[in-house]
Amino acid sequence: NGRGALHYDADGHRLGQIGQDAGTFRPRGIGVDPAGRVYIADTGHARVLLLSSDGNILQTIGGDGAPILNQPTDVAISVDGSV
């Protein structure tokens, strides 16, 4: 329904979900860096979430009211890990 992101392991087993209670959480683009960390462009909150490979939120880039991002729709990560 566009209100969360599901987390699966390498074998396809569902491990959990993030953002299901966040209201306007609208994940659009997803990228994975060389270390296995996951970046999710959250258009609804004008932010990018950085998650560990096990699904824990490590960092929030931007956010409601922050002038950094305006409704991001995707994330691009280079081979050296630059976002």
PDB file of N, CA and C in Angstrom:
ATOM      1  N   ASN A   1       0.814  -1.205   0.000  1.00  0.00           N
ATOM      2  CA  ASN A   1       0.000   0.000   0.000  1.00  0.00           C
ATOM      3  C   ASN A   1       0.852   1.261   0.000  1.00  0.00           C
ATOM      4  N   GLY A   2       2.154   1.151  -0.145  1.00  0.00           N
ATOM      5  CA  GLY A   2       3.020   2.319  -0.193  1.00  0.00           C
ATOM      6  C   GLY A   2       3.273   2.954   1.147  1.00  0.00           C
ATOM      7  N   ARG A   3       2.936   2.295   2.231  1.00  0.00           N
ATOM      8  CA  ARG A   3       3.105   2.885   3.555  1.00  0.00           C
ATOM      9  C   ARG A   3       4.134   2.154   4.398  1.00  0.00           C
ATOM     10  N   GLY A   4       5.039   1.473   3.757  1.00  0.00           N
ATOM     11  CA  GLY A   4       6.067   0.784   4.513  1.00  0.00           C
ATOM     12  C   GLY A   4       7.028   0.083   3.585  1.00  0.00           C
ATOM     13  N   ALA A   5       8.075  -0.444   4.158  1.00  0.00           N
ATOM     14  CA  ALA A   5       9.059  -1.214   3.398  1.00  0.00           C
ATOM     15  C   ALA A   5       9.247  -2.544   4.102  1.00  0.00           C
ATOM     16  N   LEU A   6       9.167  -3.618   3.349  1.00  0.00           N
ATOM     17  CA  LEU A   6       9.327  -4.951   3.916  1.00  0.00           C
ATOM     18  C   LEU A   6      10.797  -5.333   3.924  1.00  0.00           C
ATOM     19  N   HIS A   7      11.183  -6.102   4.926  1.00  0.00           N
ATOM     20  CA  HIS A   7      12.571  -6.529   5.094  1.00  0.00           C
ATOM     21  C   HIS A   7      12.626  -8.047   5.000  1.00  0.00           C
ATOM     22  N   TYR A   8      13.428  -8.554   4.051  1.00  0.00           N
ATOM     23  CA  TYR A   8      13.579  -9.992   3.830  1.00  0.00           C
ATOM     24  C   TYR A   8      15.042 -10.388   3.976  1.00  0.00           C
ATOM     25  N   ASP A   9      15.283 -11.646   4.329  1.00  0.00           N
ATOM     26  CA  ASP A   9      16.658 -12.140   4.336  1.00  0.00           C
ATOM     27  C   ASP A   9      17.007 -12.670   2.945  1.00  0.00           C
ATOM     28  N   ALA A  10      18.245 -13.133   2.777  1.00  0.00           N
ATOM     29  CA  ALA A  10      18.720 -13.590   1.470  1.00  0.00           C
ATOM     30  C   ALA A  10      17.955 -14.808   0.955  1.00  0.00           C
ATOM     31  N   ASP A  11      17.300 -15.543   1.837  1.00  0.00           N
ATOM     32  CA  ASP A  11      16.531 -16.720   1.435  1.00  0.00           C
ATOM     33  C   ASP A  11      15.067 -16.406   1.135  1.00  0.00           C
ATOM     34  N   GLY A  12      14.687 -15.124   1.241  1.00  0.00           N
ATOM     35  CA  GLY A  12      13.320 -14.730   0.933  1.00  0.00           C
ATOM     36  C   GLY A  12      12.354 -14.788   2.094  1.00  0.00           C
ATOM     37  N   HIS A  13      12.854 -14.973   3.309  1.00  0.00           N
ATOM     38  CA  HIS A  13      11.981 -15.001   4.484  1.00  0.00           C
ATOM     39  C   HIS A  13      11.748 -13.576   4.981  1.00  0.00           C
ATOM     40  N   ARG A  14      10.488 -13.245   5.201  1.00  0.00           N
ATOM     41  CA  ARG A  14      10.157 -11.902   5.687  1.00  0.00           C
ATOM     42  C   ARG A  14      10.612 -11.754   7.129  1.00  0.00           C
ATOM     43  N   LEU A  15      11.375 -10.676   7.380  1.00  0.00           N
ATOM     44  CA  LEU A  15      11.899 -10.411   8.717  1.00  0.00           C
ATOM     45  C   LEU A  15      11.143  -9.310   9.437  1.00  0.00           C
ATOM     46  N   GLY A  16      10.480  -8.449   8.700  1.00  0.00           N
ATOM     47  CA  GLY A  16       9.759  -7.360   9.344  1.00  0.00           C
ATOM     48  C   GLY A  16       9.384  -6.280   8.354  1.00  0.00           C
ATOM     49  N   GLN A  17       8.921  -5.161   8.905  1.00  0.00           N
ATOM     50  CA  GLN A  17       8.496  -4.026   8.098  1.00  0.00           C
ATOM     51  C   GLN A  17       8.834  -2.757   8.848  1.00  0.00           C
ATOM     52  N   ILE A  18       9.240  -1.725   8.119  1.00  0.00           N
ATOM     53  CA  ILE A  18       9.438  -0.423   8.737  1.00  0.00           C
ATOM     54  C   ILE A  18       8.472   0.560   8.106  1.00  0.00           C
ATOM     55  N   GLY A  19       8.077   1.556   8.875  1.00  0.00           N
ATOM     56  CA  GLY A  19       7.268   2.637   8.356  1.00  0.00           C
ATOM     57  C   GLY A  19       5.778   2.401   8.287  1.00  0.00           C
ATOM     58  N   GLN A  20       5.285   1.251   8.691  1.00  0.00           N
ATOM     59  CA  GLN A  20       3.862   0.975   8.552  1.00  0.00           C
ATOM     60  C   GLN A  20       2.997   1.897   9.403  1.00  0.00           C
ATOM     61  N   ASP A  21       3.546   2.468  10.460  1.00  0.00           N
ATOM     62  CA  ASP A  21       2.781   3.366  11.325  1.00  0.00           C
ATOM     63  C   ASP A  21       3.150   4.831  11.116  1.00  0.00           C
ATOM     64  N   ALA A  22       3.934   5.115  10.090  1.00  0.00           N
ATOM     65  CA  ALA A  22       4.456   6.468   9.915  1.00  0.00           C
ATOM     66  C   ALA A  22       3.505   7.405   9.183  1.00  0.00           C
ATOM     67  N   GLY A  23       2.338   6.946   8.803  1.00  0.00           N
ATOM     68  CA  GLY A  23       1.373   7.820   8.149  1.00  0.00           C
ATOM     69  C   GLY A  23       1.747   8.138   6.721  1.00  0.00           C
ATOM     70  N   THR A  24       2.599   9.122   6.525  1.00  0.00           N
ATOM     71  CA  THR A  24       2.945   9.549   5.176  1.00  0.00           C
ATOM     72  C   THR A  24       4.227   8.915   4.665  1.00  0.00           C
ATOM     73  N   PHE A  25       4.694   7.849   5.276  1.00  0.00           N
ATOM     74  CA  PHE A  25       5.889   7.155   4.788  1.00  0.00           C
ATOM     75  C   PHE A  25       5.585   6.603   3.406  1.00  0.00           C
ATOM     76  N   ARG A  26       6.278   7.126   2.407  1.00  0.00           N
ATOM     77  CA  ARG A  26       6.067   6.679   1.031  1.00  0.00           C
ATOM     78  C   ARG A  26       7.419   6.319   0.415  1.00  0.00           C
ATOM     79  N   PRO A  27       7.878   5.097   0.639  1.00  0.00           N
ATOM     80  CA  PRO A  27       9.154   4.695   0.051  1.00  0.00           C
ATOM     81  C   PRO A  27       9.037   4.625  -1.465  1.00  0.00           C
ATOM     82  N   ARG A  28      10.043   5.146  -2.141  1.00  0.00           N
ATOM     83  CA  ARG A  28      10.030   5.127  -3.606  1.00  0.00           C
ATOM     84  C   ARG A  28      11.278   4.415  -4.124  1.00  0.00           C
ATOM     85  N   GLY A  29      12.432   5.025  -3.970  1.00  0.00           N
ATOM     86  CA  GLY A  29      13.659   4.428  -4.479  1.00  0.00           C
ATOM     87  C   GLY A  29      14.438   3.739  -3.377  1.00  0.00           C
ATOM     88  N   ILE A  30      15.106   2.657  -3.743  1.00  0.00           N
ATOM     89  CA  ILE A  30      15.916   1.907  -2.787  1.00  0.00           C
ATOM     90  C   ILE A  30      17.271   1.636  -3.421  1.00  0.00           C
ATOM     91  N   GLY A  31      18.324   1.802  -2.622  1.00  0.00           N
ATOM     92  CA  GLY A  31      19.674   1.482  -3.078  1.00  0.00           C
ATOM     93  C   GLY A  31      20.429   0.766  -1.982  1.00  0.00           C
ATOM     94  N   VAL A  32      21.413  -0.020  -2.375  1.00  0.00           N
ATOM     95  CA  VAL A  32      22.243  -0.757  -1.423  1.00  0.00           C
ATOM     96  C   VAL A  32      23.695  -0.402  -1.696  1.00  0.00           C
ATOM     97  N   ASP A  33      24.431  -0.024  -0.639  1.00  0.00           N
ATOM     98  CA  ASP A  33      25.838   0.324  -0.819  1.00  0.00           C
ATOM     99  C   ASP A  33      26.720  -0.926  -0.742  1.00  0.00           C
ATOM    100  N   PRO A  34      28.011  -0.796  -1.043  1.00  0.00           N
ATOM    101  CA  PRO A  34      28.900  -1.963  -1.039  1.00  0.00           C
ATOM    102  C   PRO A  34      28.982  -2.682   0.308  1.00  0.00           C
ATOM    103  N   ALA A  35      28.674  -1.988   1.404  1.00  0.00           N
ATOM    104  CA  ALA A  35      28.709  -2.597   2.738  1.00  0.00           C
ATOM    105  C   ALA A  35      27.407  -3.320   3.081  1.00  0.00           C
ATOM    106  N   GLY A  36      26.407  -3.267   2.181  1.00  0.00           N
ATOM    107  CA  GLY A  36      25.135  -3.934   2.425  1.00  0.00           C
ATOM    108  C   GLY A  36      24.113  -3.079   3.144  1.00  0.00           C
ATOM    109  N   ARG A  37      24.441  -1.805   3.377  1.00  0.00           N
ATOM    110  CA  ARG A  37      23.468  -0.906   4.006  1.00  0.00           C
ATOM    111  C   ARG A  37      22.450  -0.462   2.963  1.00  0.00           C
ATOM    112  N   VAL A  38      21.217  -0.238   3.411  1.00  0.00           N
ATOM    113  CA  VAL A  38      20.104   0.062   2.508  1.00  0.00           C
ATOM    114  C   VAL A  38      19.683   1.520   2.673  1.00  0.00           C
ATOM    115  N   TYR A  39      19.514   2.202   1.547  1.00  0.00           N
ATOM    116  CA  TYR A  39      19.027   3.579   1.519  1.00  0.00           C
ATOM    117  C   TYR A  39      17.627   3.565   0.923  1.00  0.00           C
ATOM    118  N   ILE A  40      16.680   4.223   1.603  1.00  0.00           N
ATOM    119  CA  ILE A  40      15.302   4.296   1.113  1.00  0.00           C
ATOM    120  C   ILE A  40      14.910   5.761   0.961  1.00  0.00           C
ATOM    121  N   ALA A  41      14.517   6.145  -0.250  1.00  0.00           N
ATOM    122  CA  ALA A  41      13.996   7.488  -0.495  1.00  0.00           C
ATOM    123  C   ALA A  41      12.547   7.517  -0.023  1.00  0.00           C
ATOM    124  N   ASP A  42      12.278   8.299   1.019  1.00  0.00           N
ATOM    125  CA  ASP A  42      10.938   8.427   1.599  1.00  0.00           C
ATOM    126  C   ASP A  42      10.344   9.749   1.130  1.00  0.00           C
ATOM    127  N   THR A  43       9.584   9.698   0.044  1.00  0.00           N
ATOM    128  CA  THR A  43       9.001  10.895  -0.539  1.00  0.00           C
ATOM    129  C   THR A  43       8.079  11.603   0.447  1.00  0.00           C
ATOM    130  N   GLY A  44       7.313  10.863   1.223  1.00  0.00           N
ATOM    131  CA  GLY A  44       6.337  11.439   2.144  1.00  0.00           C
ATOM    132  C   GLY A  44       6.931  12.309   3.229  1.00  0.00           C
ATOM    133  N   HIS A  45       8.153  12.006   3.662  1.00  0.00           N
ATOM    134  CA  HIS A  45       8.800  12.787   4.714  1.00  0.00           C
ATOM    135  C   HIS A  45      10.005  13.569   4.212  1.00  0.00           C
ATOM    136  N   ALA A  46      10.188  13.665   2.898  1.00  0.00           N
ATOM    137  CA  ALA A  46      11.295  14.418   2.292  1.00  0.00           C
ATOM    138  C   ALA A  46      12.636  14.028   2.903  1.00  0.00           C
ATOM    139  N   ARG A  47      12.887  12.721   2.946  1.00  0.00           N
ATOM    140  CA  ARG A  47      14.112  12.238   3.580  1.00  0.00           C
ATOM    141  C   ARG A  47      14.599  10.964   2.898  1.00  0.00           C
ATOM    142  N   VAL A  48      15.821  10.599   3.231  1.00  0.00           N
ATOM    143  CA  VAL A  48      16.376   9.306   2.857  1.00  0.00           C
ATOM    144  C   VAL A  48      16.764   8.615   4.152  1.00  0.00           C
ATOM    145  N   LEU A  49      16.312   7.389   4.333  1.00  0.00           N
ATOM    146  CA  LEU A  49      16.665   6.603   5.510  1.00  0.00           C
ATOM    147  C   LEU A  49      17.829   5.693   5.166  1.00  0.00           C
ATOM    148  N   LEU A  50      18.782   5.600   6.078  1.00  0.00           N
ATOM    149  CA  LEU A  50      19.888   4.657   5.952  1.00  0.00           C
ATOM    150  C   LEU A  50      19.652   3.550   6.961  1.00  0.00           C
ATOM    151  N   LEU A  51      19.572   2.318   6.472  1.00  0.00           N
ATOM    152  CA  LEU A  51      19.319   1.163   7.332  1.00  0.00           C
ATOM    153  C   LEU A  51      20.508   0.208   7.285  1.00  0.00           C
ATOM    154  N   SER A  52      20.745  -0.448   8.399  1.00  0.00           N
ATOM    155  CA  SER A  52      21.753  -1.502   8.423  1.00  0.00           C
ATOM    156  C   SER A  52      21.228  -2.685   7.622  1.00  0.00           C
ATOM    157  N   SER A  53      22.097  -3.630   7.329  1.00  0.00           N
ATOM    158  CA  SER A  53      21.671  -4.791   6.548  1.00  0.00           C
ATOM    159  C   SER A  53      20.626  -5.627   7.279  1.00  0.00           C
ATOM    160  N   ASP A  54      20.510  -5.447   8.610  1.00  0.00           N
ATOM    161  CA  ASP A  54      19.490  -6.186   9.357  1.00  0.00           C
ATOM    162  C   ASP A  54      18.222  -5.366   9.589  1.00  0.00           C
ATOM    163  N   GLY A  55      18.121  -4.177   8.960  1.00  0.00           N
ATOM    164  CA  GLY A  55      16.884  -3.408   8.977  1.00  0.00           C
ATOM    165  C   GLY A  55      16.765  -2.328  10.024  1.00  0.00           C
ATOM    166  N   ASN A  56      17.798  -2.082  10.815  1.00  0.00           N
ATOM    167  CA  ASN A  56      17.748  -1.020  11.823  1.00  0.00           C
ATOM    168  C   ASN A  56      18.087   0.323  11.189  1.00  0.00           C
ATOM    169  N   ILE A  57      17.333   1.358  11.558  1.00  0.00           N
ATOM    170  CA  ILE A  57      17.591   2.695  11.024  1.00  0.00           C
ATOM    171  C   ILE A  57      18.861   3.237  11.665  1.00  0.00           C
ATOM    172  N   LEU A  58      19.850   3.579  10.817  1.00  0.00           N
ATOM    173  CA  LEU A  58      21.123   4.118  11.282  1.00  0.00           C
ATOM    174  C   LEU A  58      21.167   5.634  11.209  1.00  0.00           C
ATOM    175  N   GLN A  59      20.512   6.196  10.189  1.00  0.00           N
ATOM    176  CA  GLN A  59      20.592   7.635   9.971  1.00  0.00           C
ATOM    177  C   GLN A  59      19.398   8.099   9.158  1.00  0.00           C
ATOM    178  N   THR A  60      18.991   9.346   9.396  1.00  0.00           N
ATOM    179  CA  THR A  60      17.971  10.001   8.593  1.00  0.00           C
ATOM    180  C   THR A  60      18.610  11.202   7.925  1.00  0.00           C
ATOM    181  N   ILE A  61      18.524  11.269   6.615  1.00  0.00           N
ATOM    182  CA  ILE A  61      19.068  12.389   5.852  1.00  0.00           C
ATOM    183  C   ILE A  61      17.896  13.234   5.392  1.00  0.00           C
ATOM    184  N   GLY A  62      17.867  14.502   5.790  1.00  0.00           N
ATOM    185  CA  GLY A  62      16.745  15.374   5.463  1.00  0.00           C
ATOM    186  C   GLY A  62      15.616  15.156   6.447  1.00  0.00           C
ATOM    187  N   GLY A  63      14.399  15.351   5.994  1.00  0.00           N
ATOM    188  CA  GLY A  63      13.234  15.184   6.849  1.00  0.00           C
ATOM    189  C   GLY A  63      12.308  16.366   6.725  1.00  0.00           C
ATOM    190  N   ASP A  64      11.111  16.237   7.275  1.00  0.00           N
ATOM    191  CA  ASP A  64      10.130  17.314   7.212  1.00  0.00           C
ATOM    192  C   ASP A  64      10.730  18.602   7.753  1.00  0.00           C
ATOM    193  N   GLY A  65      10.659  19.651   6.967  1.00  0.00           N
ATOM    194  CA  GLY A  65      11.153  20.949   7.388  1.00  0.00           C
ATOM    195  C   GLY A  65      12.627  21.178   7.107  1.00  0.00           C
ATOM    196  N   ALA A  66      13.381  20.139   6.790  1.00  0.00           N
ATOM    197  CA  ALA A  66      14.797  20.300   6.482  1.00  0.00           C
ATOM    198  C   ALA A  66      14.940  20.764   5.030  1.00  0.00           C
ATOM    199  N   PRO A  67      15.823  21.722   4.776  1.00  0.00           N
ATOM    200  CA  PRO A  67      15.955  22.252   3.419  1.00  0.00           C
ATOM    201  C   PRO A  67      16.782  21.381   2.475  1.00  0.00           C
ATOM    202  N   ILE A  68      17.230  20.223   2.930  1.00  0.00           N
ATOM    203  CA  ILE A  68      18.155  19.402   2.150  1.00  0.00           C
ATOM    204  C   ILE A  68      17.476  18.724   0.962  1.00  0.00           C
ATOM    205  N   LEU A  69      16.333  18.107   1.172  1.00  0.00           N
ATOM    206  CA  LEU A  69      15.676  17.309   0.138  1.00  0.00           C
ATOM    207  C   LEU A  69      14.243  17.771  -0.089  1.00  0.00           C
ATOM    208  N   ASN A  70      13.782  17.633  -1.325  1.00  0.00           N
ATOM    209  CA  ASN A  70      12.407  17.978  -1.665  1.00  0.00           C
ATOM    210  C   ASN A  70      11.766  16.772  -2.344  1.00  0.00           C
ATOM    211  N   GLN A  71      11.081  15.964  -1.572  1.00  0.00           N
ATOM    212  CA  GLN A  71      10.380  14.776  -2.049  1.00  0.00           C
ATOM    213  C   GLN A  71      11.271  13.872  -2.915  1.00  0.00           C
ATOM    214  N   PRO A  72      12.319  13.294  -2.328  1.00  0.00           N
ATOM    215  CA  PRO A  72      13.202  12.413  -3.101  1.00  0.00           C
ATOM    216  C   PRO A  72      12.444  11.193  -3.610  1.00  0.00           C
ATOM    217  N   THR A  73      12.760  10.781  -4.821  1.00  0.00           N
ATOM    218  CA  THR A  73      12.078   9.639  -5.421  1.00  0.00           C
ATOM    219  C   THR A  73      13.008   8.470  -5.714  1.00  0.00           C
ATOM    220  N   ASP A  74      14.316   8.672  -5.561  1.00  0.00           N
ATOM    221  CA  ASP A  74      15.245   7.586  -5.838  1.00  0.00           C
ATOM    222  C   ASP A  74      16.564   7.837  -5.125  1.00  0.00           C
ATOM    223  N   VAL A  75      17.388   6.812  -5.080  1.00  0.00           N
ATOM    224  CA  VAL A  75      18.709   6.886  -4.461  1.00  0.00           C
ATOM    225  C   VAL A  75      19.698   6.230  -5.416  1.00  0.00           C
ATOM    226  N   ALA A  76      20.822   6.900  -5.657  1.00  0.00           N
ATOM    227  CA  ALA A  76      21.880   6.326  -6.496  1.00  0.00           C
ATOM    228  C   ALA A  76      23.143   6.198  -5.657  1.00  0.00           C
ATOM    229  N   ILE A  77      23.775   5.040  -5.727  1.00  0.00           N
ATOM    230  CA  ILE A  77      24.981   4.776  -4.951  1.00  0.00           C
ATOM    231  C   ILE A  77      26.056   4.263  -5.901  1.00  0.00           C
ATOM    232  N   SER A  78      27.229   4.905  -5.852  1.00  0.00           N
ATOM    233  CA  SER A  78      28.319   4.485  -6.729  1.00  0.00           C
ATOM    234  C   SER A  78      29.079   3.310  -6.112  1.00  0.00           C
ATOM    235  N   VAL A  79      29.974   2.719  -6.879  1.00  0.00           N
ATOM    236  CA  VAL A  79      30.730   1.559  -6.397  1.00  0.00           C
ATOM    237  C   VAL A  79      31.632   1.901  -5.219  1.00  0.00           C
ATOM    238  N   ASP A  80      31.997   3.197  -5.064  1.00  0.00           N
ATOM    239  CA  ASP A  80      32.818   3.581  -3.912  1.00  0.00           C
ATOM    240  C   ASP A  80      31.974   3.944  -2.696  1.00  0.00           C
ATOM    241  N   GLY A  81      30.642   3.815  -2.802  1.00  0.00           N
ATOM    242  CA  GLY A  81      29.749   4.076  -1.682  1.00  0.00           C
ATOM    243  C   GLY A  81      29.215   5.486  -1.609  1.00  0.00           C
ATOM    244  N   SER A  82      29.582   6.350  -2.553  1.00  0.00           N
ATOM    245  CA  SER A  82      29.056   7.714  -2.566  1.00  0.00           C
ATOM    246  C   SER A  82      27.571   7.681  -2.897  1.00  0.00           C
ATOM    247  N   VAL A  83      26.797   8.506  -2.166  1.00  0.00           N
ATOM    248  CA  VAL A  83      25.349   8.562  -2.381  1.00  0.00           C
ATOM    249  C   VAL A  83      25.018   9.802  -3.187  1.00  0.00           C
TER     250      VAL A  83
END
